[in-house]
Amino acid sequence: MTETKPAIPENIKDVISLIQDKKGSDITVLKLSEISSFTDYLIICSADSARQAQTICDHIQATLKDRKKKPSHIEGYNMARWILMDYLDFIVNIFHPNTREFYALEKLWHDAESYKPED
């Protein structure tokens, strides 16, 4: 996967910052708007524990709700091995590292432009 630096919209940068607030790690943004119709961006991050994954999810959801942005749905919250937050124009994926390695979304979407912010 060739890492390029696509122009990242402010709302995506905001989500990255929210993930970093709660110590989410290994953040990657994939720009899918050119190659897929189901969303424009995938935001992928890792959390060291179920509790941390839920905390990241709660922080994103509460902050964006204050900004009048609600997810269309959230999956995987209770088990917290892979929490998916679908905001339609972007999807946040919060993974336990082993689960992230198993599903390898970055490899699945290898054609996408990718961006890794500084931690």
PDB file of N, CA and C in Angstrom:
ATOM      1  N   MET A   1       0.854  -1.168   0.000  1.00  0.00           N
ATOM      2  CA  MET A   1       0.000   0.000   0.000  1.00  0.00           C
ATOM      3  C   MET A   1       0.901   1.231   0.000  1.00  0.00           C
ATOM      4  N   THR A   2       0.715   2.070  -0.976  1.00  0.00           N
ATOM      5  CA  THR A   2       1.472   3.301  -1.054  1.00  0.00           C
ATOM      6  C   THR A   2       0.797   4.340  -0.185  1.00  0.00           C
ATOM      7  N   GLU A   3       1.564   4.888   0.735  1.00  0.00           N
ATOM      8  CA  GLU A   3       1.000   5.890   1.620  1.00  0.00           C
ATOM      9  C   GLU A   3       1.136   7.255   0.985  1.00  0.00           C
ATOM     10  N   THR A   4       0.005   7.875   0.737  1.00  0.00           N
ATOM     11  CA  THR A   4      -0.022   9.234   0.220  1.00  0.00           C
ATOM     12  C   THR A   4      -0.700  10.098   1.263  1.00  0.00           C
ATOM     13  N   LYS A   5      -0.717  11.385   1.031  1.00  0.00           N
ATOM     14  CA  LYS A   5      -1.329  12.296   1.990  1.00  0.00           C
ATOM     15  C   LYS A   5      -2.510  12.987   1.329  1.00  0.00           C
ATOM     16  N   PRO A   6      -3.691  12.338   1.361  1.00  0.00           N
ATOM     17  CA  PRO A   6      -4.861  12.988   0.785  1.00  0.00           C
ATOM     18  C   PRO A   6      -5.251  14.190   1.639  1.00  0.00           C
ATOM     19  N   ALA A   7      -5.964  15.118   1.018  1.00  0.00           N
ATOM     20  CA  ALA A   7      -6.501  16.247   1.784  1.00  0.00           C
ATOM     21  C   ALA A   7      -7.559  15.682   2.729  1.00  0.00           C
ATOM     22  N   ILE A   8      -7.354  15.879   4.018  1.00  0.00           N
ATOM     23  CA  ILE A   8      -8.260  15.316   5.019  1.00  0.00           C
ATOM     24  C   ILE A   8      -9.230  16.411   5.459  1.00  0.00           C
ATOM     25  N   PRO A   9     -10.537  16.173   5.327  1.00  0.00           N
ATOM     26  CA  PRO A   9     -11.522  17.167   5.764  1.00  0.00           C
ATOM     27  C   PRO A   9     -11.439  17.425   7.277  1.00  0.00           C
ATOM     28  N   GLU A  10     -11.883  18.580   7.686  1.00  0.00           N
ATOM     29  CA  GLU A  10     -11.820  18.968   9.097  1.00  0.00           C
ATOM     30  C   GLU A  10     -12.569  17.993   9.999  1.00  0.00           C
ATOM     31  N   ASN A  11     -13.729  17.486   9.558  1.00  0.00           N
ATOM     32  CA  ASN A  11     -14.478  16.565  10.422  1.00  0.00           C
ATOM     33  C   ASN A  11     -13.702  15.273  10.673  1.00  0.00           C
ATOM     34  N   ILE A  12     -12.919  14.840   9.713  1.00  0.00           N
ATOM     35  CA  ILE A  12     -12.088  13.649   9.895  1.00  0.00           C
ATOM     36  C   ILE A  12     -10.928  13.970  10.842  1.00  0.00           C
ATOM     37  N   LYS A  13     -10.326  15.133  10.667  1.00  0.00           N
ATOM     38  CA  LYS A  13      -9.266  15.564  11.584  1.00  0.00           C
ATOM     39  C   LYS A  13      -9.789  15.653  13.015  1.00  0.00           C
ATOM     40  N   ASP A  14     -11.034  16.114  13.160  1.00  0.00           N
ATOM     41  CA  ASP A  14     -11.644  16.198  14.492  1.00  0.00           C
ATOM     42  C   ASP A  14     -11.774  14.812  15.124  1.00  0.00           C
ATOM     43  N   VAL A  15     -12.202  13.827  14.346  1.00  0.00           N
ATOM     44  CA  VAL A  15     -12.344  12.465  14.866  1.00  0.00           C
ATOM     45  C   VAL A  15     -10.971  11.905  15.253  1.00  0.00           C
ATOM     46  N   ILE A  16      -9.970  12.164  14.441  1.00  0.00           N
ATOM     47  CA  ILE A  16      -8.605  11.732  14.774  1.00  0.00           C
ATOM     48  C   ILE A  16      -8.203  12.312  16.126  1.00  0.00           C
ATOM     49  N   SER A  17      -8.467  13.575  16.321  1.00  0.00           N
ATOM     50  CA  SER A  17      -8.129  14.235  17.584  1.00  0.00           C
ATOM     51  C   SER A  17      -8.888  13.608  18.761  1.00  0.00           C
ATOM     52  N   LEU A  18     -10.144  13.268  18.551  1.00  0.00           N
ATOM     53  CA  LEU A  18     -10.935  12.629  19.611  1.00  0.00           C
ATOM     54  C   LEU A  18     -10.362  11.263  19.971  1.00  0.00           C
ATOM     55  N   ILE A  19      -9.921  10.517  18.974  1.00  0.00           N
ATOM     56  CA  ILE A  19      -9.283   9.219  19.221  1.00  0.00           C
ATOM     57  C   ILE A  19      -8.001   9.426  20.023  1.00  0.00           C
ATOM     58  N   GLN A  20      -7.213  10.405  19.620  1.00  0.00           N
ATOM     59  CA  GLN A  20      -5.959  10.681  20.317  1.00  0.00           C
ATOM     60  C   GLN A  20      -6.208  11.145  21.754  1.00  0.00           C
ATOM     61  N   ASP A  21      -7.315  11.862  21.996  1.00  0.00           N
ATOM     62  CA  ASP A  21      -7.668  12.290  23.358  1.00  0.00           C
ATOM     63  C   ASP A  21      -7.739  11.109  24.317  1.00  0.00           C
ATOM     64  N   LYS A  22      -8.200   9.972  23.817  1.00  0.00           N
ATOM     65  CA  LYS A  22      -8.393   8.786  24.655  1.00  0.00           C
ATOM     66  C   LYS A  22      -7.315   7.736  24.413  1.00  0.00           C
ATOM     67  N   LYS A  23      -6.202   8.192  23.861  1.00  0.00           N
ATOM     68  CA  LYS A  23      -4.998   7.363  23.692  1.00  0.00           C
ATOM     69  C   LYS A  23      -5.171   6.200  22.722  1.00  0.00           C
ATOM     70  N   GLY A  24      -6.092   6.353  21.749  1.00  0.00           N
ATOM     71  CA  GLY A  24      -6.166   5.383  20.675  1.00  0.00           C
ATOM     72  C   GLY A  24      -4.857   5.430  19.895  1.00  0.00           C
ATOM     73  N   SER A  25      -4.461   4.314  19.330  1.00  0.00           N
ATOM     74  CA  SER A  25      -3.156   4.253  18.669  1.00  0.00           C
ATOM     75  C   SER A  25      -3.270   3.720  17.245  1.00  0.00           C
ATOM     76  N   ASP A  26      -2.168   3.826  16.534  1.00  0.00           N
ATOM     77  CA  ASP A  26      -2.034   3.285  15.179  1.00  0.00           C
ATOM     78  C   ASP A  26      -3.208   3.717  14.293  1.00  0.00           C
ATOM     79  N   ILE A  27      -3.433   5.025  14.247  1.00  0.00           N
ATOM     80  CA  ILE A  27      -4.561   5.578  13.494  1.00  0.00           C
ATOM     81  C   ILE A  27      -4.212   5.620  12.012  1.00  0.00           C
ATOM     82  N   THR A  28      -5.132   5.141  11.201  1.00  0.00           N
ATOM     83  CA  THR A  28      -5.006   5.198   9.751  1.00  0.00           C
ATOM     84  C   THR A  28      -6.317   5.691   9.174  1.00  0.00           C
ATOM     85  N   VAL A  29      -6.238   6.573   8.184  1.00  0.00           N
ATOM     86  CA  VAL A  29      -7.416   7.041   7.458  1.00  0.00           C
ATOM     87  C   VAL A  29      -7.278   6.563   6.024  1.00  0.00           C
ATOM     88  N   LEU A  30      -8.324   5.915   5.527  1.00  0.00           N
ATOM     89  CA  LEU A  30      -8.362   5.479   4.133  1.00  0.00           C
ATOM     90  C   LEU A  30      -9.420   6.295   3.403  1.00  0.00           C
ATOM     91  N   LYS A  31      -9.036   6.900   2.312  1.00  0.00           N
ATOM     92  CA  LYS A  31      -9.964   7.672   1.498  1.00  0.00           C
ATOM     93  C   LYS A  31     -10.567   6.733   0.457  1.00  0.00           C
ATOM     94  N   LEU A  32     -11.875   6.463   0.627  1.00  0.00           N
ATOM     95  CA  LEU A  32     -12.552   5.507  -0.253  1.00  0.00           C
ATOM     96  C   LEU A  32     -13.448   6.165  -1.293  1.00  0.00           C
ATOM     97  N   SER A  33     -13.599   7.461  -1.228  1.00  0.00           N
ATOM     98  CA  SER A  33     -14.569   8.144  -2.096  1.00  0.00           C
ATOM     99  C   SER A  33     -14.325   7.899  -3.581  1.00  0.00           C
ATOM    100  N   GLU A  34     -13.089   7.647  -3.955  1.00  0.00           N
ATOM    101  CA  GLU A  34     -12.757   7.410  -5.371  1.00  0.00           C
ATOM    102  C   GLU A  34     -12.994   5.962  -5.800  1.00  0.00           C
ATOM    103  N   ILE A  35     -13.077   5.039  -4.831  1.00  0.00           N
ATOM    104  CA  ILE A  35     -13.136   3.621  -5.185  1.00  0.00           C
ATOM    105  C   ILE A  35     -14.346   2.883  -4.606  1.00  0.00           C
ATOM    106  N   SER A  36     -15.181   3.577  -3.843  1.00  0.00           N
ATOM    107  CA  SER A  36     -16.323   2.921  -3.225  1.00  0.00           C
ATOM    108  C   SER A  36     -17.475   3.909  -3.082  1.00  0.00           C
ATOM    109  N   SER A  37     -18.678   3.378  -3.019  1.00  0.00           N
ATOM    110  CA  SER A  37     -19.837   4.258  -2.885  1.00  0.00           C
ATOM    111  C   SER A  37     -20.475   4.211  -1.495  1.00  0.00           C
ATOM    112  N   PHE A  38     -20.001   3.330  -0.594  1.00  0.00           N
ATOM    113  CA  PHE A  38     -20.681   3.197   0.695  1.00  0.00           C
ATOM    114  C   PHE A  38     -20.219   4.206   1.735  1.00  0.00           C
ATOM    115  N   THR A  39     -19.033   4.780   1.572  1.00  0.00           N
ATOM    116  CA  THR A  39     -18.550   5.825   2.476  1.00  0.00           C
ATOM    117  C   THR A  39     -17.389   6.542   1.809  1.00  0.00           C
ATOM    118  N   ASP A  40     -17.057   7.705   2.338  1.00  0.00           N
ATOM    119  CA  ASP A  40     -15.927   8.461   1.793  1.00  0.00           C
ATOM    120  C   ASP A  40     -14.612   8.125   2.494  1.00  0.00           C
ATOM    121  N   TYR A  41     -14.682   7.892   3.817  1.00  0.00           N
ATOM    122  CA  TYR A  41     -13.471   7.646   4.598  1.00  0.00           C
ATOM    123  C   TYR A  41     -13.678   6.526   5.606  1.00  0.00           C
ATOM    124  N   LEU A  42     -12.647   5.714   5.778  1.00  0.00           N
ATOM    125  CA  LEU A  42     -12.569   4.761   6.884  1.00  0.00           C
ATOM    126  C   LEU A  42     -11.498   5.284   7.831  1.00  0.00           C
ATOM    127  N   ILE A  43     -11.859   5.386   9.086  1.00  0.00           N
ATOM    128  CA  ILE A  43     -10.895   5.751  10.119  1.00  0.00           C
ATOM    129  C   ILE A  43     -10.684   4.491  10.944  1.00  0.00           C
ATOM    130  N   ILE A  44      -9.444   4.070  11.067  1.00  0.00           N
ATOM    131  CA  ILE A  44      -9.115   2.826  11.764  1.00  0.00           C
ATOM    132  C   ILE A  44      -8.153   3.159  12.892  1.00  0.00           C
ATOM    133  N   CYS A  45      -8.428   2.603  14.071  1.00  0.00           N
ATOM    134  CA  CYS A  45      -7.497   2.800  15.184  1.00  0.00           C
ATOM    135  C   CYS A  45      -7.495   1.553  16.063  1.00  0.00           C
ATOM    136  N   SER A  46      -6.520   1.499  16.946  1.00  0.00           N
ATOM    137  CA  SER A  46      -6.400   0.384  17.887  1.00  0.00           C
ATOM    138  C   SER A  46      -6.596   0.886  19.306  1.00  0.00           C
ATOM    139  N   ALA A  47      -7.152   0.002  20.136  1.00  0.00           N
ATOM    140  CA  ALA A  47      -7.317   0.245  21.570  1.00  0.00           C
ATOM    141  C   ALA A  47      -6.800  -0.984  22.290  1.00  0.00           C
ATOM    142  N   ASP A  48      -6.126  -0.775  23.406  1.00  0.00           N
ATOM    143  CA  ASP A  48      -5.474  -1.876  24.115  1.00  0.00           C
ATOM    144  C   ASP A  48      -6.424  -2.761  24.912  1.00  0.00           C
ATOM    145  N   SER A  49      -7.645  -2.290  25.162  1.00  0.00           N
ATOM    146  CA  SER A  49      -8.588  -3.069  25.953  1.00  0.00           C
ATOM    147  C   SER A  49     -10.013  -2.764  25.487  1.00  0.00           C
ATOM    148  N   ALA A  50     -10.931  -3.619  25.902  1.00  0.00           N
ATOM    149  CA  ALA A  50     -12.346  -3.384  25.586  1.00  0.00           C
ATOM    150  C   ALA A  50     -12.806  -2.065  26.188  1.00  0.00           C
ATOM    151  N   ARG A  51     -12.398  -1.811  27.406  1.00  0.00           N
ATOM    152  CA  ARG A  51     -12.812  -0.574  28.075  1.00  0.00           C
ATOM    153  C   ARG A  51     -12.299   0.654  27.332  1.00  0.00           C
ATOM    154  N   GLN A  52     -11.058   0.605  26.873  1.00  0.00           N
ATOM    155  CA  GLN A  52     -10.519   1.734  26.124  1.00  0.00           C
ATOM    156  C   GLN A  52     -11.274   1.921  24.801  1.00  0.00           C
ATOM    157  N   ALA A  53     -11.583   0.816  24.120  1.00  0.00           N
ATOM    158  CA  ALA A  53     -12.348   0.904  22.867  1.00  0.00           C
ATOM    159  C   ALA A  53     -13.706   1.553  23.111  1.00  0.00           C
ATOM    160  N   GLN A  54     -14.386   1.143  24.178  1.00  0.00           N
ATOM    161  CA  GLN A  54     -15.684   1.728  24.509  1.00  0.00           C
ATOM    162  C   GLN A  54     -15.544   3.207  24.878  1.00  0.00           C
ATOM    163  N   THR A  55     -14.474   3.549  25.581  1.00  0.00           N
ATOM    164  CA  THR A  55     -14.242   4.945  25.969  1.00  0.00           C
ATOM    165  C   THR A  55     -14.013   5.817  24.738  1.00  0.00           C
ATOM    166  N   ILE A  56     -13.245   5.323  23.781  1.00  0.00           N
ATOM    167  CA  ILE A  56     -13.034   6.058  22.530  1.00  0.00           C
ATOM    168  C   ILE A  56     -14.369   6.245  21.816  1.00  0.00           C
ATOM    169  N   CYS A  57     -15.133   5.182  21.715  1.00  0.00           N
ATOM    170  CA  CYS A  57     -16.442   5.237  21.066  1.00  0.00           C
ATOM    171  C   CYS A  57     -17.355   6.251  21.768  1.00  0.00           C
ATOM    172  N   ASP A  58     -17.429   6.166  23.083  1.00  0.00           N
ATOM    173  CA  ASP A  58     -18.283   7.078  23.852  1.00  0.00           C
ATOM    174  C   ASP A  58     -17.862   8.535  23.650  1.00  0.00           C
ATOM    175  N   HIS A  59     -16.562   8.779  23.639  1.00  0.00           N
ATOM    176  CA  HIS A  59     -16.035  10.140  23.478  1.00  0.00           C
ATOM    177  C   HIS A  59     -16.386  10.699  22.097  1.00  0.00           C
ATOM    178  N   ILE A  60     -16.200   9.897  21.065  1.00  0.00           N
ATOM    179  CA  ILE A  60     -16.550  10.335  19.708  1.00  0.00           C
ATOM    180  C   ILE A  60     -18.043  10.608  19.627  1.00  0.00           C
ATOM    181  N   GLN A  61     -18.837   9.651  20.105  1.00  0.00           N
ATOM    182  CA  GLN A  61     -20.286   9.783  20.004  1.00  0.00           C
ATOM    183  C   GLN A  61     -20.797  11.009  20.754  1.00  0.00           C
ATOM    184  N   ALA A  62     -20.337  11.227  21.975  1.00  0.00           N
ATOM    185  CA  ALA A  62     -20.805  12.366  22.772  1.00  0.00           C
ATOM    186  C   ALA A  62     -20.387  13.701  22.150  1.00  0.00           C
ATOM    187  N   THR A  63     -19.146  13.769  21.695  1.00  0.00           N
ATOM    188  CA  THR A  63     -18.657  15.026  21.122  1.00  0.00           C
ATOM    189  C   THR A  63     -19.378  15.360  19.827  1.00  0.00           C
ATOM    190  N   LEU A  64     -19.532  14.369  18.953  1.00  0.00           N
ATOM    191  CA  LEU A  64     -20.212  14.630  17.690  1.00  0.00           C
ATOM    192  C   LEU A  64     -21.705  14.885  17.891  1.00  0.00           C
ATOM    193  N   LYS A  65     -22.294  14.249  18.896  1.00  0.00           N
ATOM    194  CA  LYS A  65     -23.710  14.518  19.216  1.00  0.00           C
ATOM    195  C   LYS A  65     -23.886  15.985  19.598  1.00  0.00           C
ATOM    196  N   ASP A  66     -22.949  16.526  20.377  1.00  0.00           N
ATOM    197  CA  ASP A  66     -22.993  17.950  20.735  1.00  0.00           C
ATOM    198  C   ASP A  66     -22.918  18.831  19.498  1.00  0.00           C
ATOM    199  N   ARG A  67     -22.340  18.304  18.434  1.00  0.00           N
ATOM    200  CA  ARG A  67     -22.226  19.036  17.161  1.00  0.00           C
ATOM    201  C   ARG A  67     -23.344  18.655  16.187  1.00  0.00           C
ATOM    202  N   LYS A  68     -24.364  17.980  16.723  1.00  0.00           N
ATOM    203  CA  LYS A  68     -25.556  17.590  15.943  1.00  0.00           C
ATOM    204  C   LYS A  68     -25.265  16.539  14.881  1.00  0.00           C
ATOM    205  N   LYS A  69     -24.273  15.692  15.145  1.00  0.00           N
ATOM    206  CA  LYS A  69     -23.934  14.608  14.212  1.00  0.00           C
ATOM    207  C   LYS A  69     -24.072  13.290  14.961  1.00  0.00           C
ATOM    208  N   LYS A  70     -24.999  12.451  14.497  1.00  0.00           N
ATOM    209  CA  LYS A  70     -25.241  11.162  15.143  1.00  0.00           C
ATOM    210  C   LYS A  70     -24.918  10.028  14.173  1.00  0.00           C
ATOM    211  N   PRO A  71     -24.421   8.909  14.700  1.00  0.00           N
ATOM    212  CA  PRO A  71     -24.139   7.765  13.812  1.00  0.00           C
ATOM    213  C   PRO A  71     -25.435   7.126  13.333  1.00  0.00           C
ATOM    214  N   SER A  72     -25.405   6.582  12.131  1.00  0.00           N
ATOM    215  CA  SER A  72     -26.579   5.837  11.662  1.00  0.00           C
ATOM    216  C   SER A  72     -26.708   4.534  12.442  1.00  0.00           C
ATOM    217  N   HIS A  73     -25.569   3.966  12.849  1.00  0.00           N
ATOM    218  CA  HIS A  73     -25.574   2.822  13.759  1.00  0.00           C
ATOM    219  C   HIS A  73     -24.164   2.559  14.298  1.00  0.00           C
ATOM    220  N   ILE A  74     -24.159   1.808  15.390  1.00  0.00           N
ATOM    221  CA  ILE A  74     -22.914   1.380  16.026  1.00  0.00           C
ATOM    222  C   ILE A  74     -23.011  -0.124  16.223  1.00  0.00           C
ATOM    223  N   GLU A  75     -21.957  -0.835  15.866  1.00  0.00           N
ATOM    224  CA  GLU A  75     -21.915  -2.288  16.032  1.00  0.00           C
ATOM    225  C   GLU A  75     -20.717  -2.679  16.884  1.00  0.00           C
ATOM    226  N   GLY A  76     -20.867  -3.761  17.632  1.00  0.00           N
ATOM    227  CA  GLY A  76     -19.757  -4.360  18.345  1.00  0.00           C
ATOM    228  C   GLY A  76     -19.402  -3.723  19.674  1.00  0.00           C
ATOM    229  N   TYR A  77     -20.231  -2.828  20.178  1.00  0.00           N
ATOM    230  CA  TYR A  77     -19.890  -2.097  21.401  1.00  0.00           C
ATOM    231  C   TYR A  77     -19.732  -3.016  22.611  1.00  0.00           C
ATOM    232  N   ASN A  78     -20.620  -3.958  22.792  1.00  0.00           N
ATOM    233  CA  ASN A  78     -20.581  -4.793  24.000  1.00  0.00           C
ATOM    234  C   ASN A  78     -19.339  -5.675  24.071  1.00  0.00           C
ATOM    235  N   MET A  79     -18.985  -6.319  22.987  1.00  0.00           N
ATOM    236  CA  MET A  79     -17.786  -7.172  22.981  1.00  0.00           C
ATOM    237  C   MET A  79     -16.512  -6.333  22.861  1.00  0.00           C
ATOM    238  N   ALA A  80     -16.610  -5.235  22.133  1.00  0.00           N
ATOM    239  CA  ALA A  80     -15.536  -4.245  21.998  1.00  0.00           C
ATOM    240  C   ALA A  80     -14.230  -4.817  21.453  1.00  0.00           C
ATOM    241  N   ARG A  81     -14.309  -5.817  20.612  1.00  0.00           N
ATOM    242  CA  ARG A  81     -13.125  -6.298  19.895  1.00  0.00           C
ATOM    243  C   ARG A  81     -12.991  -5.521  18.577  1.00  0.00           C
ATOM    244  N   TRP A  82     -14.131  -5.117  18.028  1.00  0.00           N
ATOM    245  CA  TRP A  82     -14.187  -4.276  16.835  1.00  0.00           C
ATOM    246  C   TRP A  82     -15.472  -3.466  16.952  1.00  0.00           C
ATOM    247  N   ILE A  83     -15.328  -2.199  17.242  1.00  0.00           N
ATOM    248  CA  ILE A  83     -16.485  -1.302  17.293  1.00  0.00           C
ATOM    249  C   ILE A  83     -16.513  -0.526  15.985  1.00  0.00           C
ATOM    250  N   LEU A  84     -17.650  -0.566  15.318  1.00  0.00           N
ATOM    251  CA  LEU A  84     -17.849   0.151  14.066  1.00  0.00           C
ATOM    252  C   LEU A  84     -18.878   1.239  14.304  1.00  0.00           C
ATOM    253  N   MET A  85     -18.512   2.461  14.001  1.00  0.00           N
ATOM    254  CA  MET A  85     -19.401   3.612  14.131  1.00  0.00           C
ATOM    255  C   MET A  85     -19.635   4.177  12.730  1.00  0.00           C
ATOM    256  N   ASP A  86     -20.859   4.055  12.222  1.00  0.00           N
ATOM    257  CA  ASP A  86     -21.165   4.472  10.850  1.00  0.00           C
ATOM    258  C   ASP A  86     -21.808   5.854  10.858  1.00  0.00           C
ATOM    259  N   TYR A  87     -21.072   6.826  10.361  1.00  0.00           N
ATOM    260  CA  TYR A  87     -21.572   8.198  10.223  1.00  0.00           C
ATOM    261  C   TYR A  87     -21.881   8.522   8.756  1.00  0.00           C
ATOM    262  N   LEU A  88     -22.068   7.493   7.951  1.00  0.00           N
ATOM    263  CA  LEU A  88     -22.390   7.542   6.527  1.00  0.00           C
ATOM    264  C   LEU A  88     -21.241   8.070   5.675  1.00  0.00           C
ATOM    265  N   ASP A  89     -20.824   9.335   5.840  1.00  0.00           N
ATOM    266  CA  ASP A  89     -19.730   9.831   5.009  1.00  0.00           C
ATOM    267  C   ASP A  89     -18.368   9.400   5.542  1.00  0.00           C
ATOM    268  N   PHE A  90     -18.340   8.884   6.770  1.00  0.00           N
ATOM    269  CA  PHE A  90     -17.141   8.247   7.298  1.00  0.00           C
ATOM    270  C   PHE A  90     -17.542   7.160   8.284  1.00  0.00           C
ATOM    271  N   ILE A  91     -16.657   6.178   8.431  1.00  0.00           N
ATOM    272  CA  ILE A  91     -16.870   5.064   9.355  1.00  0.00           C
ATOM    273  C   ILE A  91     -15.644   4.968  10.250  1.00  0.00           C
ATOM    274  N   VAL A  92     -15.890   4.904  11.556  1.00  0.00           N
ATOM    275  CA  VAL A  92     -14.820   4.750  12.530  1.00  0.00           C
ATOM    276  C   VAL A  92     -14.766   3.282  12.937  1.00  0.00           C
ATOM    277  N   ASN A  93     -13.583   2.685  12.850  1.00  0.00           N
ATOM    278  CA  ASN A  93     -13.346   1.301  13.261  1.00  0.00           C
ATOM    279  C   ASN A  93     -12.361   1.317  14.415  1.00  0.00           C
ATOM    280  N   ILE A  94     -12.799   0.841  15.572  1.00  0.00           N
ATOM    281  CA  ILE A  94     -11.951   0.796  16.759  1.00  0.00           C
ATOM    282  C   ILE A  94     -11.683  -0.676  17.052  1.00  0.00           C
ATOM    283  N   PHE A  95     -10.431  -1.073  16.934  1.00  0.00           N
ATOM    284  CA  PHE A  95     -10.064  -2.484  17.013  1.00  0.00           C
ATOM    285  C   PHE A  95      -9.205  -2.806  18.220  1.00  0.00           C
ATOM    286  N   HIS A  96      -9.390  -4.015  18.743  1.00  0.00           N
ATOM    287  CA  HIS A  96      -8.373  -4.637  19.585  1.00  0.00           C
ATOM    288  C   HIS A  96      -7.271  -5.038  18.597  1.00  0.00           C
ATOM    289  N   PRO A  97      -5.995  -4.883  18.941  1.00  0.00           N
ATOM    290  CA  PRO A  97      -4.920  -5.144  17.970  1.00  0.00           C
ATOM    291  C   PRO A  97      -4.984  -6.514  17.280  1.00  0.00           C
ATOM    292  N   ASN A  98      -5.302  -7.577  18.003  1.00  0.00           N
ATOM    293  CA  ASN A  98      -5.377  -8.905  17.369  1.00  0.00           C
ATOM    294  C   ASN A  98      -6.501  -8.978  16.348  1.00  0.00           C
ATOM    295  N   THR A  99      -7.614  -8.363  16.660  1.00  0.00           N
ATOM    296  CA  THR A  99      -8.752  -8.353  15.733  1.00  0.00           C
ATOM    297  C   THR A  99      -8.421  -7.516  14.504  1.00  0.00           C
ATOM    298  N   ARG A 100      -7.748  -6.415  14.726  1.00  0.00           N
ATOM    299  CA  ARG A 100      -7.341  -5.568  13.600  1.00  0.00           C
ATOM    300  C   ARG A 100      -6.411  -6.327  12.665  1.00  0.00           C
ATOM    301  N   GLU A 101      -5.467  -7.037  13.231  1.00  0.00           N
ATOM    302  CA  GLU A 101      -4.538  -7.817  12.411  1.00  0.00           C
ATOM    303  C   GLU A 101      -5.276  -8.894  11.621  1.00  0.00           C
ATOM    304  N   PHE A 102      -6.247  -9.540  12.251  1.00  0.00           N
ATOM    305  CA  PHE A 102      -6.997 -10.607  11.595  1.00  0.00           C
ATOM    306  C   PHE A 102      -7.795 -10.076  10.391  1.00  0.00           C
ATOM    307  N   TYR A 103      -8.504  -8.966  10.576  1.00  0.00           N
ATOM    308  CA  TYR A 103      -9.349  -8.444   9.495  1.00  0.00           C
ATOM    309  C   TYR A 103      -8.587  -7.604   8.475  1.00  0.00           C
ATOM    310  N   ALA A 104      -7.490  -7.022   8.855  1.00  0.00           N
ATOM    311  CA  ALA A 104      -6.565  -6.322   7.944  1.00  0.00           C
ATOM    312  C   ALA A 104      -7.268  -5.420   6.926  1.00  0.00           C
ATOM    313  N   LEU A 105      -8.051  -4.488   7.421  1.00  0.00           N
ATOM    314  CA  LEU A 105      -8.782  -3.590   6.516  1.00  0.00           C
ATOM    315  C   LEU A 105      -7.856  -2.792   5.608  1.00  0.00           C
ATOM    316  N   GLU A 106      -6.695  -2.427   6.123  1.00  0.00           N
ATOM    317  CA  GLU A 106      -5.754  -1.687   5.281  1.00  0.00           C
ATOM    318  C   GLU A 106      -5.331  -2.511   4.069  1.00  0.00           C
ATOM    319  N   LYS A 107      -5.182  -3.809   4.228  1.00  0.00           N
ATOM    320  CA  LYS A 107      -4.826  -4.675   3.092  1.00  0.00           C
ATOM    321  C   LYS A 107      -6.034  -4.879   2.177  1.00  0.00           C
ATOM    322  N   LEU A 108      -7.200  -5.024   2.782  1.00  0.00           N
ATOM    323  CA  LEU A 108      -8.422  -5.192   1.993  1.00  0.00           C
ATOM    324  C   LEU A 108      -8.645  -3.984   1.080  1.00  0.00           C
ATOM    325  N   TRP A 109      -8.396  -2.789   1.603  1.00  0.00           N
ATOM    326  CA  TRP A 109      -8.595  -1.551   0.854  1.00  0.00           C
ATOM    327  C   TRP A 109      -7.244  -0.972   0.406  1.00  0.00           C
ATOM    328  N   HIS A 110      -6.371  -1.827  -0.083  1.00  0.00           N
ATOM    329  CA  HIS A 110      -5.015  -1.403  -0.468  1.00  0.00           C
ATOM    330  C   HIS A 110      -5.003  -0.374  -1.595  1.00  0.00           C
ATOM    331  N   ASP A 111      -6.072  -0.281  -2.371  1.00  0.00           N
ATOM    332  CA  ASP A 111      -6.147   0.693  -3.470  1.00  0.00           C
ATOM    333  C   ASP A 111      -6.472   2.102  -2.981  1.00  0.00           C
ATOM    334  N   ALA A 112      -6.873   2.234  -1.732  1.00  0.00           N
ATOM    335  CA  ALA A 112      -7.276   3.535  -1.195  1.00  0.00           C
ATOM    336  C   ALA A 112      -6.060   4.385  -0.873  1.00  0.00           C
ATOM    337  N   GLU A 113      -6.243   5.701  -1.004  1.00  0.00           N
ATOM    338  CA  GLU A 113      -5.219   6.613  -0.489  1.00  0.00           C
ATOM    339  C   GLU A 113      -5.232   6.475   1.031  1.00  0.00           C
ATOM    340  N   SER A 114      -4.059   6.495   1.636  1.00  0.00           N
ATOM    341  CA  SER A 114      -4.003   6.336   3.086  1.00  0.00           C
ATOM    342  C   SER A 114      -3.250   7.489   3.722  1.00  0.00           C
ATOM    343  N   TYR A 115      -3.573   7.692   4.972  1.00  0.00           N
ATOM    344  CA  TYR A 115      -2.960   8.760   5.757  1.00  0.00           C
ATOM    345  C   TYR A 115      -2.806   8.271   7.185  1.00  0.00           C
ATOM    346  N   LYS A 116      -1.622   8.455   7.745  1.00  0.00           N
ATOM    347  CA  LYS A 116      -1.364   8.122   9.147  1.00  0.00           C
ATOM    348  C   LYS A 116      -0.935   9.406   9.851  1.00  0.00           C
ATOM    349  N   PRO A 117      -1.801   9.928  10.721  1.00  0.00           N
ATOM    350  CA  PRO A 117      -1.427  11.147  11.442  1.00  0.00           C
ATOM    351  C   PRO A 117      -0.317  10.877  12.445  1.00  0.00           C
ATOM    352  N   GLU A 118       0.371  11.919  12.809  1.00  0.00           N
ATOM    353  CA  GLU A 118       1.400  11.806  13.842  1.00  0.00           C
ATOM    354  C   GLU A 118       0.716  11.529  15.167  1.00  0.00           C
ATOM    355  N   ASP A 119       1.206  10.538  15.901  1.00  0.00           N
ATOM    356  CA  ASP A 119       0.619  10.238  17.218  1.00  0.00           C
ATOM    357  C   ASP A 119       1.142  11.182  18.267  1.00  0.00           C
TER     358      ASP A 119
END
